[in-house]
Amino acid sequence: MENLKIEKSNSTPEIDFRLSGELFMTGVTYPEDAFKFYEPVTRWLKEFKNHLPKNKIVLVVELDYVNTASLRILIDVINTVNSYKEHNEVEMHWKYEDEDNLEFGHDVERITNSKFNFISIE
């Protein structure tokens, strides 16, 4: 198993998932086919469960825009990372630039029954 790195585009986020347990999603997400774009991400996360590091897992979400199809997958990603709590300490950060994105982060937190550390980007 290797790290997963997907470069961002105008409609897709940068995905930088490392075997060390550092997981980053940055940018915007409104791909034409969200399931196709995120298929390698969900596949990697399933395989990662068999290779969890001994140190804590940290998910950092810094998404400026998320469409409906991507939201469904983002929820699945967060729920999958949450499931790692059975074996590891998990820490989640939601970075935001404005109040709308902060409110959206709180909605995602509630939907996924997660606990985010909210970090304002100045």
C-alpha atoms as a PDB file:
ATOM      1  CA  MET A   1       0.000   0.000   0.000  1.00  0.00           C
ATOM      2  CA  GLU A   2       1.220   3.502  -0.843  1.00  0.00           C
ATOM      3  CA  ASN A   3       0.262   7.074  -0.003  1.00  0.00           C
ATOM      4  CA  LEU A   4      -2.610   8.482  -2.068  1.00  0.00           C
ATOM      5  CA  LYS A   5      -2.024  11.827  -3.774  1.00  0.00           C
ATOM      6  CA  ILE A   6      -4.548  13.360  -6.173  1.00  0.00           C
ATOM      7  CA  GLU A   7      -3.804  16.841  -7.489  1.00  0.00           C
ATOM      8  CA  LYS A   8      -6.589  19.410  -7.299  1.00  0.00           C
ATOM      9  CA  SER A   9      -8.354  20.791 -10.347  1.00  0.00           C
ATOM     10  CA  ASN A  10     -10.922  23.528 -10.865  1.00  0.00           C
ATOM     11  CA  SER A  11     -13.674  21.148  -9.704  1.00  0.00           C
ATOM     12  CA  THR A  12     -11.881  18.577  -7.530  1.00  0.00           C
ATOM     13  CA  PRO A  13      -9.952  18.813  -4.275  1.00  0.00           C
ATOM     14  CA  GLU A  14      -6.396  17.862  -3.552  1.00  0.00           C
ATOM     15  CA  ILE A  15      -6.359  14.547  -1.726  1.00  0.00           C
ATOM     16  CA  ASP A  16      -3.209  13.784   0.233  1.00  0.00           C
ATOM     17  CA  PHE A  17      -3.672  10.655   2.325  1.00  0.00           C
ATOM     18  CA  ARG A  18      -0.497   9.376   3.936  1.00  0.00           C
ATOM     19  CA  LEU A  19       0.222   6.003   5.474  1.00  0.00           C
ATOM     20  CA  SER A  20       1.531   7.921   8.501  1.00  0.00           C
ATOM     21  CA  GLY A  21      -2.114   8.751   9.295  1.00  0.00           C
ATOM     22  CA  GLU A  22      -2.182  12.323   8.009  1.00  0.00           C
ATOM     23  CA  LEU A  23      -5.201  12.754   5.731  1.00  0.00           C
ATOM     24  CA  PHE A  24      -5.794  16.050   3.896  1.00  0.00           C
ATOM     25  CA  MET A  25      -8.675  17.182   1.658  1.00  0.00           C
ATOM     26  CA  THR A  26      -8.239  20.716   0.295  1.00  0.00           C
ATOM     27  CA  GLY A  27     -10.003  22.858  -2.303  1.00  0.00           C
ATOM     28  CA  VAL A  28     -13.453  22.544  -3.838  1.00  0.00           C
ATOM     29  CA  THR A  29     -15.401  19.445  -4.762  1.00  0.00           C
ATOM     30  CA  TYR A  30     -17.980  19.397  -7.510  1.00  0.00           C
ATOM     31  CA  PRO A  31     -16.696  16.806  -9.977  1.00  0.00           C
ATOM     32  CA  GLU A  32     -18.882  15.799 -12.876  1.00  0.00           C
ATOM     33  CA  ASP A  33     -18.964  12.236 -11.532  1.00  0.00           C
ATOM     34  CA  ALA A  34     -18.301  12.314  -7.784  1.00  0.00           C
ATOM     35  CA  PHE A  35     -18.460   8.537  -7.347  1.00  0.00           C
ATOM     36  CA  LYS A  36     -15.876   8.001 -10.082  1.00  0.00           C
ATOM     37  CA  PHE A  37     -13.564  10.701  -8.703  1.00  0.00           C
ATOM     38  CA  TYR A  38     -13.746   9.440  -5.109  1.00  0.00           C
ATOM     39  CA  GLU A  39     -13.559   5.713  -5.940  1.00  0.00           C
ATOM     40  CA  PRO A  40      -9.756   5.566  -5.388  1.00  0.00           C
ATOM     41  CA  VAL A  41     -10.214   7.506  -2.127  1.00  0.00           C
ATOM     42  CA  THR A  42     -12.808   5.135  -0.685  1.00  0.00           C
ATOM     43  CA  ARG A  43     -10.821   2.112  -1.907  1.00  0.00           C
ATOM     44  CA  TRP A  44      -7.654   3.494  -0.240  1.00  0.00           C
ATOM     45  CA  LEU A  45      -9.485   4.119   3.048  1.00  0.00           C
ATOM     46  CA  LYS A  46     -10.831   0.548   3.096  1.00  0.00           C
ATOM     47  CA  GLU A  47      -7.350  -0.869   2.532  1.00  0.00           C
ATOM     48  CA  PHE A  48      -5.848   1.603   5.036  1.00  0.00           C
ATOM     49  CA  LYS A  49      -7.936   0.017   7.797  1.00  0.00           C
ATOM     50  CA  ASN A  50      -5.662  -3.036   7.485  1.00  0.00           C
ATOM     51  CA  HIS A  51      -2.507  -0.871   7.727  1.00  0.00           C
ATOM     52  CA  LEU A  52      -3.366   1.611  10.489  1.00  0.00           C
ATOM     53  CA  PRO A  53      -0.312   3.351  11.953  1.00  0.00           C
ATOM     54  CA  LYS A  54       0.477   3.187  15.665  1.00  0.00           C
ATOM     55  CA  ASN A  55       0.305   6.984  15.946  1.00  0.00           C
ATOM     56  CA  LYS A  56      -2.927   8.968  15.847  1.00  0.00           C
ATOM     57  CA  ILE A  57      -4.806   9.570  12.631  1.00  0.00           C
ATOM     58  CA  VAL A  58      -5.450  13.188  11.703  1.00  0.00           C
ATOM     59  CA  LEU A  59      -8.029  14.215   9.091  1.00  0.00           C
ATOM     60  CA  VAL A  60      -7.881  17.830   7.884  1.00  0.00           C
ATOM     61  CA  VAL A  61     -10.801  19.062   5.781  1.00  0.00           C
ATOM     62  CA  GLU A  62     -10.400  22.438   4.092  1.00  0.00           C
ATOM     63  CA  LEU A  63     -13.101  22.510   1.435  1.00  0.00           C
ATOM     64  CA  ASP A  64     -14.411  25.835   0.177  1.00  0.00           C
ATOM     65  CA  TYR A  65     -17.332  24.341  -1.748  1.00  0.00           C
ATOM     66  CA  VAL A  66     -18.991  20.915  -1.675  1.00  0.00           C
ATOM     67  CA  ASN A  67     -21.817  19.883  -4.007  1.00  0.00           C
ATOM     68  CA  THR A  68     -24.525  17.432  -2.974  1.00  0.00           C
ATOM     69  CA  ALA A  69     -22.996  14.329  -4.585  1.00  0.00           C
ATOM     70  CA  SER A  70     -19.628  15.098  -3.003  1.00  0.00           C
ATOM     71  CA  LEU A  71     -21.252  15.697   0.379  1.00  0.00           C
ATOM     72  CA  ARG A  72     -22.546  12.132   0.443  1.00  0.00           C
ATOM     73  CA  ILE A  73     -19.045  10.820  -0.164  1.00  0.00           C
ATOM     74  CA  LEU A  74     -17.474  13.281   2.281  1.00  0.00           C
ATOM     75  CA  ILE A  75     -19.833  11.930   4.944  1.00  0.00           C
ATOM     76  CA  ASP A  76     -18.740   8.382   4.051  1.00  0.00           C
ATOM     77  CA  VAL A  77     -15.069   9.408   4.265  1.00  0.00           C
ATOM     78  CA  ILE A  78     -15.571  11.000   7.693  1.00  0.00           C
ATOM     79  CA  ASN A  79     -17.567   8.017   8.943  1.00  0.00           C
ATOM     80  CA  THR A  80     -14.852   5.646   7.733  1.00  0.00           C
ATOM     81  CA  VAL A  81     -12.155   7.658   9.499  1.00  0.00           C
ATOM     82  CA  ASN A  82     -14.360   7.719  12.611  1.00  0.00           C
ATOM     83  CA  SER A  83     -14.472   3.928  12.511  1.00  0.00           C
ATOM     84  CA  TYR A  84     -10.696   3.870  13.029  1.00  0.00           C
ATOM     85  CA  LYS A  85     -11.331   5.044  16.613  1.00  0.00           C
ATOM     86  CA  GLU A  86     -11.731   1.393  17.525  1.00  0.00           C
ATOM     87  CA  HIS A  87      -7.978   0.971  17.018  1.00  0.00           C
ATOM     88  CA  ASN A  88      -6.396   4.449  17.050  1.00  0.00           C
ATOM     89  CA  GLU A  89      -6.779   7.945  18.353  1.00  0.00           C
ATOM     90  CA  VAL A  90      -8.482  10.033  15.665  1.00  0.00           C
ATOM     91  CA  GLU A  91      -8.351  13.811  15.419  1.00  0.00           C
ATOM     92  CA  MET A  92     -10.383  15.836  12.902  1.00  0.00           C
ATOM     93  CA  HIS A  93      -9.881  19.441  11.856  1.00  0.00           C
ATOM     94  CA  TRP A  94     -12.271  21.576   9.817  1.00  0.00           C
ATOM     95  CA  LYS A  95     -10.584  24.667   8.359  1.00  0.00           C
ATOM     96  CA  TYR A  96     -12.854  27.478   7.253  1.00  0.00           C
ATOM     97  CA  GLU A  97     -12.600  30.993   5.808  1.00  0.00           C
ATOM     98  CA  ASP A  98     -16.075  32.371   6.471  1.00  0.00           C
ATOM     99  CA  GLU A  99     -19.153  31.886   8.611  1.00  0.00           C
ATOM    100  CA  ASP A 100     -21.005  29.922   5.916  1.00  0.00           C
ATOM    101  CA  ASN A 101     -18.218  27.337   5.757  1.00  0.00           C
ATOM    102  CA  LEU A 102     -18.066  27.202   9.558  1.00  0.00           C
ATOM    103  CA  GLU A 103     -21.819  26.568   9.714  1.00  0.00           C
ATOM    104  CA  PHE A 104     -21.468  23.896   7.023  1.00  0.00           C
ATOM    105  CA  GLY A 105     -18.720  22.251   9.083  1.00  0.00           C
ATOM    106  CA  HIS A 106     -20.996  22.182  12.128  1.00  0.00           C
ATOM    107  CA  ASP A 107     -23.707  20.558   9.984  1.00  0.00           C
ATOM    108  CA  VAL A 108     -21.275  17.877   8.788  1.00  0.00           C
ATOM    109  CA  GLU A 109     -20.087  17.378  12.368  1.00  0.00           C
ATOM    110  CA  ARG A 110     -23.672  16.801  13.507  1.00  0.00           C
ATOM    111  CA  ILE A 111     -24.590  14.525  10.568  1.00  0.00           C
ATOM    112  CA  THR A 112     -21.524  12.317  11.086  1.00  0.00           C
ATOM    113  CA  ASN A 113     -21.661  12.427  14.876  1.00  0.00           C
ATOM    114  CA  SER A 114     -18.036  13.616  14.823  1.00  0.00           C
ATOM    115  CA  LYS A 115     -16.036  16.117  16.797  1.00  0.00           C
ATOM    116  CA  PHE A 116     -14.084  18.642  14.719  1.00  0.00           C
ATOM    117  CA  ASN A 117     -11.526  21.158  15.849  1.00  0.00           C
ATOM    118  CA  PHE A 118     -12.612  24.252  13.946  1.00  0.00           C
ATOM    119  CA  ILE A 119      -9.729  26.368  12.662  1.00  0.00           C
ATOM    120  CA  SER A 120     -10.269  29.802  11.150  1.00  0.00           C
ATOM    121  CA  ILE A 121      -8.103  30.602   8.135  1.00  0.00           C
ATOM    122  CA  GLU A 122      -7.200  34.268   8.250  1.00  0.00           C
END
